[in-house]
Amino acid sequence: MSQTPPSDIEVIAPAQARANIMAAIDAHLGADWRREDRWIVVHDSDYLMRLNQGQKNIDFACDLLGEVSITDREADPLQGSGWLIAGAVLFAWLLVAAVIAKISGVV
């Protein structure tokens, strides 16, 4: 059974959602949050923006009515170990390439 929303509810446009999120970020973090050494933008879309600083994530989510919710949480362990995982995968592929080169007589 599907429900239709009342016709008097107006859904905001994506550009307005982005403007609401940017206003909430400026109010929550201050106007200088864009400095390179402060916050890293991890996810950026019209209705959600995630910022990271060290071990702290802040999510700014705008619903379809224009209300912005702010969620402040610690970064996951996997997020912090991403560079370590990428380095391990790269090392493994280089090791495989060296073994293949040794077997084929290139080295």
Protein backbone atom coordinates (compact mmCIF):
# COMPACT_ATOMS: atom_id res chain seq x y z
CA MET A 1 0.00 0.00 0.00
CA SER A 2 1.66 3.22 -1.11
CA GLN A 3 1.09 6.53 0.51
CA THR A 4 1.19 9.78 -1.39
CA PRO A 5 2.57 12.81 0.40
CA PRO A 6 0.29 15.77 0.99
CA SER A 7 0.41 18.23 -1.89
CA ASP A 8 1.24 21.22 0.31
CA ILE A 9 4.75 19.90 1.15
CA GLU A 10 7.42 21.46 -1.05
CA VAL A 11 10.62 19.55 -1.66
CA ILE A 12 13.69 21.77 -1.95
CA ALA A 13 15.93 21.77 -5.00
CA PRO A 14 19.45 20.29 -4.81
CA ALA A 15 21.02 23.76 -5.13
CA GLN A 16 19.03 24.98 -2.13
CA ALA A 17 20.02 21.88 -0.13
CA ARG A 18 23.69 22.59 -0.88
CA ALA A 19 23.24 26.23 0.18
CA ASN A 20 21.61 25.10 3.45
CA ILE A 21 24.50 22.71 4.14
CA MET A 22 27.12 25.36 3.42
CA ALA A 23 25.35 27.80 5.74
CA ALA A 24 25.22 25.15 8.49
CA ILE A 25 28.93 24.37 8.06
CA ASP A 26 29.85 28.05 8.28
CA ALA A 27 27.70 28.43 11.40
CA HIS A 28 29.08 25.26 13.04
CA LEU A 29 32.78 25.50 12.13
CA GLY A 30 33.29 29.16 11.27
CA ALA A 31 33.98 30.82 7.95
CA ASP A 32 37.64 29.71 7.79
CA TRP A 33 36.89 25.94 7.78
CA ARG A 34 38.05 25.72 4.14
CA ARG A 35 41.69 26.33 5.00
CA GLU A 36 43.78 23.41 3.73
CA ASP A 37 45.17 22.45 7.13
CA ARG A 38 41.78 22.29 8.85
CA TRP A 39 39.11 20.05 7.32
CA ILE A 40 39.21 17.51 4.48
CA VAL A 41 36.04 17.02 2.42
CA VAL A 42 35.54 13.24 2.34
CA HIS A 43 32.10 13.17 0.70
CA ASP A 44 30.41 15.99 -1.18
CA SER A 45 26.95 15.82 -2.70
CA ASP A 46 23.96 18.14 -2.78
CA TYR A 47 22.27 16.58 0.25
CA LEU A 48 25.24 15.31 2.30
CA MET A 49 28.74 16.52 3.09
CA ARG A 50 31.24 14.71 5.31
CA LEU A 51 34.26 16.55 6.67
CA ASN A 52 37.23 14.93 8.39
CA GLN A 53 39.94 16.30 10.65
CA GLY A 54 42.24 13.67 12.12
CA GLN A 55 40.06 11.19 13.99
CA LYS A 56 36.88 13.28 13.78
CA ASN A 57 34.12 13.12 11.14
CA ILE A 58 31.26 15.59 10.91
CA ASP A 59 28.30 14.80 8.63
CA PHE A 60 26.03 17.59 7.44
CA ALA A 61 22.86 16.08 5.92
CA CYS A 62 19.97 18.05 4.45
CA ASP A 63 16.57 16.39 4.19
CA LEU A 64 14.10 17.07 1.40
CA LEU A 65 12.38 19.78 3.44
CA GLY A 66 15.58 21.76 3.93
CA GLU A 67 16.44 20.88 7.54
CA VAL A 68 20.14 20.22 8.12
CA SER A 69 21.21 17.66 10.72
CA ILE A 70 24.75 17.55 12.06
CA THR A 71 26.31 14.28 13.23
CA ASP A 72 29.67 14.41 14.97
CA ARG A 73 31.51 11.08 15.36
CA GLU A 74 34.91 9.45 15.54
CA ALA A 75 36.47 8.17 12.31
CA ASP A 76 36.35 4.42 11.80
CA PRO A 77 39.53 2.41 12.16
CA LEU A 78 39.29 1.39 8.49
CA GLN A 79 39.21 5.03 7.41
CA GLY A 80 42.45 5.70 9.27
CA SER A 81 44.21 2.63 7.90
CA GLY A 82 43.37 3.28 4.25
CA TRP A 83 46.91 4.33 3.33
CA LEU A 84 48.33 1.24 5.03
CA ILE A 85 45.99 -1.04 3.07
CA ALA A 86 46.78 0.73 -0.22
CA GLY A 87 50.51 0.39 0.44
CA ALA A 88 50.19 -3.30 1.24
CA VAL A 89 48.24 -3.95 -1.97
CA LEU A 90 50.80 -2.02 -4.02
CA PHE A 91 53.67 -3.96 -2.42
CA ALA A 92 51.91 -7.27 -3.12
CA TRP A 93 51.44 -6.39 -6.80
CA LEU A 94 55.08 -5.34 -7.11
CA LEU A 95 56.13 -8.63 -5.53
CA VAL A 96 53.97 -10.58 -8.00
CA ALA A 97 55.44 -8.58 -10.91
CA ALA A 98 58.99 -9.32 -9.68
CA VAL A 99 58.24 -13.04 -9.40
CA ILE A 100 56.75 -13.10 -12.91
CA ALA A 101 59.79 -11.22 -14.27
CA LYS A 102 62.16 -13.68 -12.52
CA ILE A 103 60.29 -16.71 -13.87
CA SER A 104 60.18 -15.34 -17.42
CA GLY A 105 63.91 -14.60 -17.34
CA VAL A 106 63.64 -10.84 -17.72
CA VAL A 107 65.60 -10.19 -14.54
